PDB file of N, CA and C in Angstrom:
ATOM      1  N   MET A   1     110.473 131.366  99.984  1.00  0.00           N
ATOM      2  CA  MET A   1     110.808 130.585 100.885  1.00  0.00           C
ATOM      3  C   MET A   1     109.671 129.481 100.991  1.00  0.00           C
ATOM      4  N   ILE A   2     108.553 129.975 101.181  1.00  0.00           N
ATOM      5  CA  ILE A   2     107.249 128.441 101.014  1.00  0.00           C
ATOM      6  C   ILE A   2     107.134 127.716  99.603  1.00  0.00           C
ATOM      7  N   GLY A   3     107.489 128.713  98.506  1.00  0.00           N
ATOM      8  CA  GLY A   3     107.347 127.847  96.679  1.00  0.00           C
ATOM      9  C   GLY A   3     108.616 127.165  97.113  1.00  0.00           C
ATOM     10  N   LYS A   4     109.509 127.380  97.604  1.00  0.00           N
ATOM     11  CA  LYS A   4     110.941 126.733  97.372  1.00  0.00           C
ATOM     12  C   LYS A   4     110.508 124.722  98.230  1.00  0.00           C
ATOM     13  N   THR A   5     109.975 125.476  99.361  1.00  0.00           N
ATOM     14  CA  THR A   5     109.578 124.543 100.043  1.00  0.00           C
ATOM     15  C   THR A   5     108.515 123.633  99.547  1.00  0.00           C
ATOM     16  N   ALA A   6     107.478 124.184  98.913  1.00  0.00           N
ATOM     17  CA  ALA A   6     106.203 123.670  97.909  1.00  0.00           C
ATOM     18  C   ALA A   6     107.023 122.479  97.139  1.00  0.00           C
ATOM     19  N   VAL A   7     107.619 123.008  96.501  1.00  0.00           N
ATOM     20  CA  VAL A   7     107.944 122.544  95.471  1.00  0.00           C
ATOM     21  C   VAL A   7     109.284 121.326  95.585  1.00  0.00           C
ATOM     22  N   ALA A   8     110.105 121.612  96.500  1.00  0.00           N
ATOM     23  CA  ALA A   8     110.396 120.298  96.793  1.00  0.00           C
ATOM     24  C   ALA A   8     109.794 119.052  97.761  1.00  0.00           C
ATOM     25  N   GLY A   9     108.179 119.430  98.529  1.00  0.00           N
ATOM     26  CA  GLY A   9     107.289 118.621  99.139  1.00  0.00           C
ATOM     27  C   GLY A   9     107.066 117.906  97.645  1.00  0.00           C
ATOM     28  N   LEU A  10     106.619 118.597  96.690  1.00  0.00           N
ATOM     29  CA  LEU A  10     105.823 117.625  95.811  1.00  0.00           C
ATOM     30  C   LEU A  10     106.844 116.848  94.572  1.00  0.00           C
ATOM     31  N   ARG A  11     107.993 117.166  94.642  1.00  0.00           N
ATOM     32  CA  ARG A  11     109.008 116.087  94.175  1.00  0.00           C
ATOM     33  C   ARG A  11     109.260 115.013  95.084  1.00  0.00           C
ATOM     34  N   ASP A  12     108.991 115.258  96.558  1.00  0.00           N
ATOM     35  CA  ASP A  12     108.948 114.356  97.632  1.00  0.00           C
ATOM     36  C   ASP A  12     107.987 113.427  96.945  1.00  0.00           C
ATOM     37  N   LEU A  13     106.717 113.818  96.610  1.00  0.00           N
ATOM     38  CA  LEU A  13     105.703 113.361  96.591  1.00  0.00           C
ATOM     39  C   LEU A  13     105.650 112.350  95.542  1.00  0.00           C
ATOM     40  N   ASP A  14     106.008 112.973  94.383  1.00  0.00           N
ATOM     41  CA  ASP A  14     106.147 112.529  92.895  1.00  0.00           C
ATOM     42  C   ASP A  14     107.122 110.820  93.134  1.00  0.00           C
ATOM     43  N   ASN A  15     108.365 111.029  93.760  1.00  0.00           N
ATOM     44  CA  ASN A  15     108.970 110.143  93.931  1.00  0.00           C
ATOM     45  C   ASN A  15     108.459 108.995  94.928  1.00  0.00           C
ATOM     46  N   LEU A  16     107.640 109.400  96.042  1.00  0.00           N
ATOM     47  CA  LEU A  16     106.897 108.331  96.893  1.00  0.00           C
ATOM     48  C   LEU A  16     105.957 107.784  95.858  1.00  0.00           C
ATOM     49  N   GLU A  17     104.849 108.464  95.162  1.00  0.00           N
ATOM     50  CA  GLU A  17     104.173 107.873  94.378  1.00  0.00           C
ATOM     51  C   GLU A  17     104.818 106.773  93.651  1.00  0.00           C
ATOM     52  N   ARG A  18     105.978 107.069  92.666  1.00  0.00           N
ATOM     53  CA  ARG A  18     106.609 106.314  91.822  1.00  0.00           C
ATOM     54  C   ARG A  18     106.928 105.116  92.831  1.00  0.00           C
ATOM     55  N   ARG A  19     107.850 105.469  93.796  1.00  0.00           N
ATOM     56  CA  ARG A  19     108.198 104.027  94.440  1.00  0.00           C
ATOM     57  C   ARG A  19     106.605 103.121  95.052  1.00  0.00           C
ATOM     58  N   LEU A  20     105.948 103.592  95.808  1.00  0.00           N
ATOM     59  CA  LEU A  20     104.792 102.936  95.994  1.00  0.00           C
ATOM     60  C   LEU A  20     103.962 101.931  94.690  1.00  0.00           C
ATOM     61  N   ALA A  21     103.711 102.640  93.729  1.00  0.00           N
ATOM     62  CA  ALA A  21     103.113 102.212  92.350  1.00  0.00           C
ATOM     63  C   ALA A  21     104.440 100.978  92.148  1.00  0.00           C
ATOM     64  N   ARG A  22     105.653 101.134  92.153  1.00  0.00           N
ATOM     65  CA  ARG A  22     106.929  99.961  91.498  1.00  0.00           C
ATOM     66  C   ARG A  22     106.807  98.718  92.794  1.00  0.00           C
ATOM     67  N   LEU A  23     106.204  98.916  94.235  1.00  0.00           N
ATOM     68  CA  LEU A  23     105.939  98.075  94.945  1.00  0.00           C
ATOM     69  C   LEU A  23     105.545  96.876  94.936  1.00  0.00           C
ATOM     70  N   PRO A  24     104.193  96.381  94.249  1.00  0.00           N
ATOM     71  CA  PRO A  24     103.895  95.509  94.040  1.00  0.00           C
ATOM     72  C   PRO A  24     104.776  94.519  93.198  1.00  0.00           C
ATOM     73  N   PHE A  25     105.466  94.872  92.130  1.00  0.00           N
ATOM     74  CA  PHE A  25     106.249  94.356  91.114  1.00  0.00           C
ATOM     75  C   PHE A  25     107.541  94.158  91.511  1.00  0.00           C
ATOM     76  N   ASP A  26     108.010  94.379  92.795  1.00  0.00           N
ATOM     77  CA  ASP A  26     109.433  94.476  93.292  1.00  0.00           C
ATOM     78  C   ASP A  26     109.675  93.228  94.331  1.00  0.00           C
ATOM     79  N   ILE A  27     108.343  93.040  94.459  1.00  0.00           N
ATOM     80  CA  ILE A  27     108.458  91.446  95.466  1.00  0.00           C
ATOM     81  C   ILE A  27     108.346  90.271  94.824  1.00  0.00           C
ATOM     82  N   PRO A  28     109.887  89.623  95.548  1.00  0.00           N
ATOM     83  CA  PRO A  28     109.985  88.544  94.569  1.00  0.00           C
ATOM     84  C   PRO A  28     109.039  87.492  94.819  1.00  0.00           C
ATOM     85  N   VAL A  29     108.165  86.713  93.876  1.00  0.00           N
ATOM     86  CA  VAL A  29     107.012  86.027  94.326  1.00  0.00           C
ATOM     87  C   VAL A  29     107.092  85.436  92.651  1.00  0.00           C
ATOM     88  N   THR A  30     105.919  84.461  92.992  1.00  0.00           N
ATOM     89  CA  THR A  30     105.679  83.408  92.060  1.00  0.00           C
ATOM     90  C   THR A  30     104.510  83.631  90.974  1.00  0.00           C
ATOM     91  N   LYS A  31     104.242  83.151  90.251  1.00  0.00           N
ATOM     92  CA  LYS A  31     103.096  83.842  89.282  1.00  0.00           C
ATOM     93  C   LYS A  31     101.674  83.663  90.248  1.00  0.00           C
ATOM     94  N   ARG A  32     101.448  82.761  90.800  1.00  0.00           N
ATOM     95  CA  ARG A  32     100.444  82.579  91.534  1.00  0.00           C
ATOM     96  C   ARG A  32     100.310  83.290  93.041  1.00  0.00           C
ATOM     97  N   SER A  33     101.442  83.767  93.492  1.00  0.00           N
ATOM     98  CA  SER A  33     101.202  84.480  94.419  1.00  0.00           C
ATOM     99  C   SER A  33     100.132  85.866  94.906  1.00  0.00           C
ATOM    100  N   LYS A  34      99.776  86.036  95.789  1.00  0.00           N
ATOM    101  CA  LYS A  34      98.595  87.078  95.773  1.00  0.00           C
ATOM    102  C   LYS A  34      99.472  88.248  96.730  1.00  0.00           C
ATOM    103  N   ALA A  35     100.795  88.111  96.941  1.00  0.00           N
ATOM    104  CA  ALA A  35     101.534  89.445  97.490  1.00  0.00           C
ATOM    105  C   ALA A  35     101.279  90.551  97.403  1.00  0.00           C
ATOM    106  N   PRO A  36     101.113  90.749  95.372  1.00  0.00           N
ATOM    107  CA  PRO A  36     101.223  91.942  95.061  1.00  0.00           C
ATOM    108  C   PRO A  36      99.560  92.814  95.289  1.00  0.00           C
ATOM    109  N   LEU A  37      99.468  91.649  95.351  1.00  0.00           N
ATOM    110  CA  LEU A  37      97.236  91.989  95.578  1.00  0.00           C
ATOM    111  C   LEU A  37      97.197  92.973  97.188  1.00  0.00           C
ATOM    112  N   LEU A  38      97.628  91.900  97.886  1.00  0.00           N
ATOM    113  CA  LEU A  38      98.038  92.412  98.821  1.00  0.00           C
ATOM    114  C   LEU A  38      98.716  93.543  99.390  1.00  0.00           C
ATOM    115  N   VAL A  39      99.539  93.900  98.899  1.00  0.00           N
ATOM    116  CA  VAL A  39     100.394  95.535  98.727  1.00  0.00           C
ATOM    117  C   VAL A  39      99.259  96.322  98.099  1.00  0.00           C
ATOM    118  N   GLN A  40      98.740  96.290  96.919  1.00  0.00           N
ATOM    119  CA  GLN A  40      97.612  97.099  96.377  1.00  0.00           C
ATOM    120  C   GLN A  40      96.698  97.501  97.462  1.00  0.00           C
ATOM    121  N   LEU A  41      96.147  96.212  98.127  1.00  0.00           N
ATOM    122  CA  LEU A  41      94.903  96.368  98.674  1.00  0.00           C
ATOM    123  C   LEU A  41      95.423  97.097  99.946  1.00  0.00           C
ATOM    124  N   GLU A  42      96.602  97.246 100.465  1.00  0.00           N
ATOM    125  CA  GLU A  42      97.204  97.564 101.814  1.00  0.00           C
ATOM    126  C   GLU A  42      97.379  99.264 101.511  1.00  0.00           C
ATOM    127  N   MET A  43      97.897  99.582 100.098  1.00  0.00           N
ATOM    128  CA  MET A  43      97.881 101.030  99.495  1.00  0.00           C
ATOM    129  C   MET A  43      96.394 101.567  99.407  1.00  0.00           C
ATOM    130  N   ALA A  44      95.359 101.094  99.028  1.00  0.00           N
ATOM    131  CA  ALA A  44      94.518 101.380  99.017  1.00  0.00           C
ATOM    132  C   ALA A  44      93.675 101.175 100.125  1.00  0.00           C
ATOM    133  N   TYR A  45      93.596 100.641 101.092  1.00  0.00           N
ATOM    134  CA  TYR A  45      92.978 100.504 102.562  1.00  0.00           C
ATOM    135  C   TYR A  45      94.284 100.206 103.712  1.00  0.00           C
ATOM    136  N   PRO A  46      94.912 101.424 103.873  1.00  0.00           N
ATOM    137  CA  PRO A  46      96.005 100.983 105.097  1.00  0.00           C
ATOM    138  C   PRO A  46      95.296 100.421 105.973  1.00  0.00           C
ATOM    139  N   GLY A  47      96.206  99.487 106.842  1.00  0.00           N
ATOM    140  CA  GLY A  47      95.026  98.792 108.052  1.00  0.00           C
ATOM    141  C   GLY A  47      94.542  97.886 108.210  1.00  0.00           C
ATOM    142  N   LEU A  48      94.575  97.107 106.848  1.00  0.00           N
ATOM    143  CA  LEU A  48      93.729  96.088 106.677  1.00  0.00           C
ATOM    144  C   LEU A  48      93.876  94.983 107.732  1.00  0.00           C
ATOM    145  N   ARG A  49      92.730  94.170 108.467  1.00  0.00           N
ATOM    146  CA  ARG A  49      93.064  93.326 109.378  1.00  0.00           C
ATOM    147  C   ARG A  49      93.244  91.840 108.754  1.00  0.00           C
ATOM    148  N   LEU A  50      93.347  90.472 108.942  1.00  0.00           N
ATOM    149  CA  LEU A  50      93.260  89.566 108.693  1.00  0.00           C
ATOM    150  C   LEU A  50      92.348  88.740 107.859  1.00  0.00           C
ATOM    151  N   PRO A  51      91.232  89.182 108.922  1.00  0.00           N
ATOM    152  CA  PRO A  51      89.912  88.420 108.189  1.00  0.00           C
ATOM    153  C   PRO A  51      89.253  89.165 107.194  1.00  0.00           C
ATOM    154  N   ALA A  52      89.747  90.045 106.606  1.00  0.00           N
ATOM    155  CA  ALA A  52      89.336  91.408 105.775  1.00  0.00           C
ATOM    156  C   ALA A  52      90.143  91.052 104.555  1.00  0.00           C
ATOM    157  N   VAL A  53      91.642  90.812 104.742  1.00  0.00           N
ATOM    158  CA  VAL A  53      92.299  90.200 103.640  1.00  0.00           C
ATOM    159  C   VAL A  53      92.253  88.949 103.356  1.00  0.00           C
ATOM    160  N   ALA A  54      91.951  87.759 104.230  1.00  0.00           N
ATOM    161  CA  ALA A  54      91.373  86.860 103.817  1.00  0.00           C
ATOM    162  C   ALA A  54      90.401  86.616 102.655  1.00  0.00           C
ATOM    163  N   ARG A  55      89.341  87.595 103.022  1.00  0.00           N
ATOM    164  CA  ARG A  55      87.884  88.028 102.335  1.00  0.00           C
ATOM    165  C   ARG A  55      88.033  88.202 101.077  1.00  0.00           C
ATOM    166  N   LEU A  56      88.921  89.376 101.013  1.00  0.00           N
ATOM    167  CA  LEU A  56      89.127  90.224 100.161  1.00  0.00           C
ATOM    168  C   LEU A  56      89.603  89.317  98.825  1.00  0.00           C
ATOM    169  N   LEU A  57      90.729  88.255  99.637  1.00  0.00           N
ATOM    170  CA  LEU A  57      91.573  87.700  98.445  1.00  0.00           C
ATOM    171  C   LEU A  57      91.349  86.605  98.311  1.00  0.00           C
ATOM    172  N   GLY A  58      90.210  86.027  98.805  1.00  0.00           N
ATOM    173  CA  GLY A  58      89.666  84.624  98.920  1.00  0.00           C
ATOM    174  C   GLY A  58      90.751  83.670  99.375  1.00  0.00           C
ATOM    175  N   ILE A  59      91.281  83.942 100.342  1.00  0.00           N
ATOM    176  CA  ILE A  59      91.994  82.953 101.201  1.00  0.00           C
ATOM    177  C   ILE A  59      91.644  82.740 102.288  1.00  0.00           C
ATOM    178  N   SER A  60      91.744  81.400 102.517  1.00  0.00           N
ATOM    179  CA  SER A  60      91.954  81.138 104.613  1.00  0.00           C
ATOM    180  C   SER A  60      92.812  82.343 105.448  1.00  0.00           C
ATOM    181  N   HIS A  61      92.336  82.053 106.387  1.00  0.00           N
ATOM    182  CA  HIS A  61      92.775  82.983 107.324  1.00  0.00           C
ATOM    183  C   HIS A  61      94.325  82.738 107.838  1.00  0.00           C
ATOM    184  N   GLN A  62      94.802  81.409 107.465  1.00  0.00           N
ATOM    185  CA  GLN A  62      96.216  81.154 108.009  1.00  0.00           C
ATOM    186  C   GLN A  62      97.088  81.578 106.241  1.00  0.00           C
ATOM    187  N   GLY A  63      95.958  81.104 105.527  1.00  0.00           N
ATOM    188  CA  GLY A  63      96.977  81.811 104.012  1.00  0.00           C
ATOM    189  C   GLY A  63      97.355  83.350 104.243  1.00  0.00           C
ATOM    190  N   ALA A  64      96.505  84.100 105.006  1.00  0.00           N
ATOM    191  CA  ALA A  64      96.010  85.519 105.140  1.00  0.00           C
ATOM    192  C   ALA A  64      97.499  85.968 105.968  1.00  0.00           C
ATOM    193  N   THR A  65      97.120  85.054 106.974  1.00  0.00           N
ATOM    194  CA  THR A  65      98.600  85.375 108.279  1.00  0.00           C
ATOM    195  C   THR A  65     100.200  84.986 107.463  1.00  0.00           C
ATOM    196  N   LYS A  66      99.929  83.936 106.666  1.00  0.00           N
ATOM    197  CA  LYS A  66     101.052  83.874 106.099  1.00  0.00           C
ATOM    198  C   LYS A  66     101.809  84.632 105.003  1.00  0.00           C
ATOM    199  N   LEU A  67     100.553  85.114 104.154  1.00  0.00           N
ATOM    200  CA  LEU A  67     101.133  86.099 103.203  1.00  0.00           C
ATOM    201  C   LEU A  67     101.156  87.053 103.483  1.00  0.00           C
ATOM    202  N   MET A  68     100.796  87.987 104.847  1.00  0.00           N
ATOM    203  CA  MET A  68     101.031  89.215 105.171  1.00  0.00           C
ATOM    204  C   MET A  68     102.237  88.784 105.870  1.00  0.00           C
ATOM    205  N   ARG A  69     102.903  87.596 106.715  1.00  0.00           N
ATOM    206  CA  ARG A  69     104.103  87.701 107.289  1.00  0.00           C
ATOM    207  C   ARG A  69     105.177  87.693 106.251  1.00  0.00           C
ATOM    208  N   GLN A  70     104.914  87.020 104.933  1.00  0.00           N
ATOM    209  CA  GLN A  70     105.773  87.055 103.821  1.00  0.00           C
ATOM    210  C   GLN A  70     106.246  88.989 103.269  1.00  0.00           C
ATOM    211  N   VAL A  71     104.810  88.936 103.107  1.00  0.00           N
ATOM    212  CA  VAL A  71     105.259  90.762 102.759  1.00  0.00           C
ATOM    213  C   VAL A  71     105.908  91.740 103.596  1.00  0.00           C
ATOM    214  N   GLN A  72     105.299  91.174 104.913  1.00  0.00           N
ATOM    215  CA  GLN A  72     106.450  92.188 106.031  1.00  0.00           C
ATOM    216  C   GLN A  72     107.882  91.973 106.022  1.00  0.00           C
ATOM    217  N   GLU A  73     108.086  90.532 105.610  1.00  0.00           N
ATOM    218  CA  GLU A  73     109.564  90.706 106.140  1.00  0.00           C
ATOM    219  C   GLU A  73     110.324  91.163 104.946  1.00  0.00           C
ATOM    220  N   TYR A  74     109.581  90.713 103.650  1.00  0.00           N
ATOM    221  CA  TYR A  74     110.491  91.112 102.834  1.00  0.00           C
ATOM    222  C   TYR A  74     110.325  93.229 102.742  1.00  0.00           C
ATOM    223  N   LEU A  75     109.469  93.474 103.552  1.00  0.00           N
ATOM    224  CA  LEU A  75     109.270  94.962 103.670  1.00  0.00           C
ATOM    225  C   LEU A  75     110.241  95.260 104.780  1.00  0.00           C
ATOM    226  N   ASN A  76     110.479  94.405 105.858  1.00  0.00           N
ATOM    227  CA  ASN A  76     111.529  94.988 106.899  1.00  0.00           C
ATOM    228  C   ASN A  76     112.683  94.523 106.220  1.00  0.00           C
ATOM    229  N   ILE A  77     113.114  94.112 105.452  1.00  0.00           N
ATOM    230  CA  ILE A  77     114.359  94.138 104.530  1.00  0.00           C
ATOM    231  C   ILE A  77     114.736  95.173 103.783  1.00  0.00           C
ATOM    232  N   THR A  78     113.775  95.198 102.815  1.00  0.00           N
ATOM    233  CA  THR A  78     114.097  96.416 101.958  1.00  0.00           C
ATOM    234  C   THR A  78     113.693  97.671 102.278  1.00  0.00           C
ATOM    235  N   THR A  79     113.002  97.751 103.392  1.00  0.00           N
ATOM    236  CA  THR A  79     112.945  99.698 104.239  1.00  0.00           C
ATOM    237  C   THR A  79     113.087  99.810 105.508  1.00  0.00           C
ATOM    238  N   GLY A  80     113.207  98.232 106.424  1.00  0.00           N
ATOM    239  CA  GLY A  80     113.415  98.465 107.868  1.00  0.00           C
ATOM    240  C   GLY A  80     112.089  98.845 108.453  1.00  0.00           C
ATOM    241  N   ILE A  81     110.987  98.869 107.815  1.00  0.00           N
ATOM    242  CA  ILE A  81     109.828  99.294 108.397  1.00  0.00           C
ATOM    243  C   ILE A  81     109.366  97.896 109.381  1.00  0.00           C
ATOM    244  N   PRO A  82     109.268  97.952 110.429  1.00  0.00           N
ATOM    245  CA  PRO A  82     108.642  96.763 111.739  1.00  0.00           C
ATOM    246  C   PRO A  82     107.546  96.474 111.619  1.00  0.00           C
ATOM    247  N   LYS A  83     106.433  96.840 111.172  1.00  0.00           N
ATOM    248  CA  LYS A  83     105.005  96.063 111.014  1.00  0.00           C
ATOM    249  C   LYS A  83     104.453  96.678 109.685  1.00  0.00           C
ATOM    250  N   LEU A  84     103.376  95.660 109.212  1.00  0.00           N
ATOM    251  CA  LEU A  84     102.904  95.727 108.442  1.00  0.00           C
ATOM    252  C   LEU A  84     101.400  96.755 108.207  1.00  0.00           C
ATOM    253  N   GLU A  85     101.158  96.741 109.687  1.00  0.00           N
ATOM    254  CA  GLU A  85      99.827  97.628 109.760  1.00  0.00           C
ATOM    255  C   GLU A  85     100.329  98.937 109.568  1.00  0.00           C
ATOM    256  N   ALA A  86     101.645  99.814 110.160  1.00  0.00           N
ATOM    257  CA  ALA A  86     101.737 100.752 109.602  1.00  0.00           C
ATOM    258  C   ALA A  86     102.898 101.450 108.611  1.00  0.00           C
ATOM    259  N   THR A  87     102.738 100.241 107.284  1.00  0.00           N
ATOM    260  CA  THR A  87     103.972  99.754 106.304  1.00  0.00           C
ATOM    261  C   THR A  87     103.746 101.112 105.275  1.00  0.00           C
ATOM    262  N   PHE A  88     102.475 101.631 105.224  1.00  0.00           N
ATOM    263  CA  PHE A  88     102.940 102.697 104.027  1.00  0.00           C
ATOM    264  C   PHE A  88     103.185 104.227 104.669  1.00  0.00           C
ATOM    265  N   ALA A  89     102.619 104.040 105.984  1.00  0.00           N
ATOM    266  CA  ALA A  89     102.577 105.220 106.382  1.00  0.00           C
ATOM    267  C   ALA A  89     104.208 105.783 106.770  1.00  0.00           C
ATOM    268  N   ASP A  90     104.900 104.547 107.153  1.00  0.00           N
ATOM    269  CA  ASP A  90     106.111 104.776 107.580  1.00  0.00           C
ATOM    270  C   ASP A  90     106.909 104.938 106.427  1.00  0.00           C
ATOM    271  N   PHE A  91     106.696 104.247 105.419  1.00  0.00           N
ATOM    272  CA  PHE A  91     107.468 104.139 104.104  1.00  0.00           C
ATOM    273  C   PHE A  91     107.633 105.401 103.954  1.00  0.00           C
ATOM    274  N   GLN A  92     106.495 106.541 103.592  1.00  0.00           N
ATOM    275  CA  GLN A  92     105.997 107.427 103.384  1.00  0.00           C
ATOM    276  C   GLN A  92     106.833 108.298 103.930  1.00  0.00           C
ATOM    277  N   SER A  93     107.540 108.472 105.065  1.00  0.00           N
ATOM    278  CA  SER A  93     108.097 109.191 105.958  1.00  0.00           C
ATOM    279  C   SER A  93     109.651 108.976 105.584  1.00  0.00           C
ATOM    280  N   GLN A  94     109.972 107.759 105.394  1.00  0.00           N
ATOM    281  CA  GLN A  94     111.454 107.687 105.013  1.00  0.00           C
ATOM    282  C   GLN A  94     111.645 107.984 103.497  1.00  0.00           C
ATOM    283  N   CYS A  95     110.811 108.602 102.643  1.00  0.00           N
ATOM    284  CA  CYS A  95     111.032 108.840 101.375  1.00  0.00           C
ATOM    285  C   CYS A  95     111.814 110.105 101.445  1.00  0.00           C
TER     286      CYS A  95
END
């Protein structure tokens, strides 16, 4: 019984890791957009705040705000997740 549950859990984890790895490439953006970088940063460091995003990506505070809103809107459409701060934790629970 525990073995079957463990195998099912590992299968779900593999599926989640594949989906998260593709997420930066699935966002419809231009070549110069930093949205894929933001998604990668959010995966590596969940819960990043605006000043940290602006500093790490080398953009203004307003640019970081717009970028986070753009990524949040895309994730709302594709996954139904309401907040960027909890994006990947909620995304994991939906998979």
